[in-house]
Amino acid sequence: MDGTAERLLTPPEVARLFGVDPRTVTRWAREGRLSSTRTPSGQHRYREGEVLALRG
């Protein structure tokens, strides 16, 4: 790895940053407030840079 790959966060990690329930993070993604990617097993992951930018 060359160090340029952005870290992906799980819904509970994002929820902890915002002080909300992980289901809220999933709802934000569904509403388009936060984009997500899926792992091969179908789990949602969120780009750390986008999460931190949303957090302000």
Protein backbone atom coordinates (compact mmCIF):
# COMPACT_ATOMS: atom_id res chain seq x y z
CA MET A 1 0.00 0.00 0.00
CA ASP A 2 1.35 3.43 -0.90
CA GLY A 3 -0.40 5.37 1.87
CA THR A 4 -2.82 7.21 -0.44
CA ALA A 5 -5.84 4.98 0.16
CA GLU A 6 -8.43 6.71 2.27
CA ARG A 7 -9.54 5.02 5.45
CA LEU A 8 -13.06 3.63 5.44
CA LEU A 9 -15.17 3.89 8.58
CA THR A 10 -17.91 1.59 9.80
CA PRO A 11 -21.35 2.95 10.76
CA PRO A 12 -20.56 2.64 14.51
CA GLU A 13 -17.29 4.58 14.03
CA VAL A 14 -19.10 7.38 12.19
CA ALA A 15 -21.87 7.37 14.79
CA ARG A 16 -19.33 7.79 17.60
CA LEU A 17 -17.82 10.84 15.86
CA PHE A 18 -21.24 12.52 15.69
CA GLY A 19 -22.69 11.21 18.95
CA VAL A 20 -25.61 9.51 17.19
CA ASP A 21 -26.95 5.99 16.79
CA PRO A 22 -25.47 3.93 13.90
CA ARG A 23 -28.97 3.74 12.38
CA THR A 24 -28.85 7.52 12.00
CA VAL A 25 -25.69 7.18 9.90
CA THR A 26 -27.46 4.65 7.68
CA ARG A 27 -30.41 7.04 7.31
CA TRP A 28 -28.06 9.90 6.36
CA ALA A 29 -26.60 7.71 3.63
CA ARG A 30 -30.08 6.79 2.38
CA GLU A 31 -31.02 10.50 2.31
CA GLY A 32 -27.88 11.37 0.34
CA ARG A 33 -26.22 13.40 3.10
CA LEU A 34 -23.31 10.95 3.21
CA SER A 35 -22.07 8.65 0.48
CA SER A 36 -21.10 5.09 1.21
CA THR A 37 -19.35 2.23 -0.44
CA ARG A 38 -20.04 -1.44 0.11
CA THR A 39 -17.63 -4.17 1.02
CA PRO A 40 -17.74 -7.44 -0.96
CA SER A 41 -19.92 -8.83 1.85
CA GLY A 42 -22.42 -5.95 1.43
CA GLN A 43 -21.56 -3.88 4.51
CA HIS A 44 -21.57 -0.08 4.28
CA ARG A 45 -18.37 1.89 4.74
CA TYR A 46 -17.87 5.65 4.76
CA ARG A 47 -14.85 7.64 3.54
CA GLU A 48 -13.07 9.23 6.47
CA GLY A 49 -12.37 12.49 4.61
CA GLU A 50 -16.01 13.00 3.70
CA VAL A 51 -17.14 12.21 7.25
CA LEU A 52 -14.65 14.67 8.75
CA ALA A 53 -15.66 17.36 6.23
CA LEU A 54 -19.32 16.90 7.14
CA ARG A 55 -18.43 17.10 10.80
CA GLY A 56 -16.81 20.48 10.18
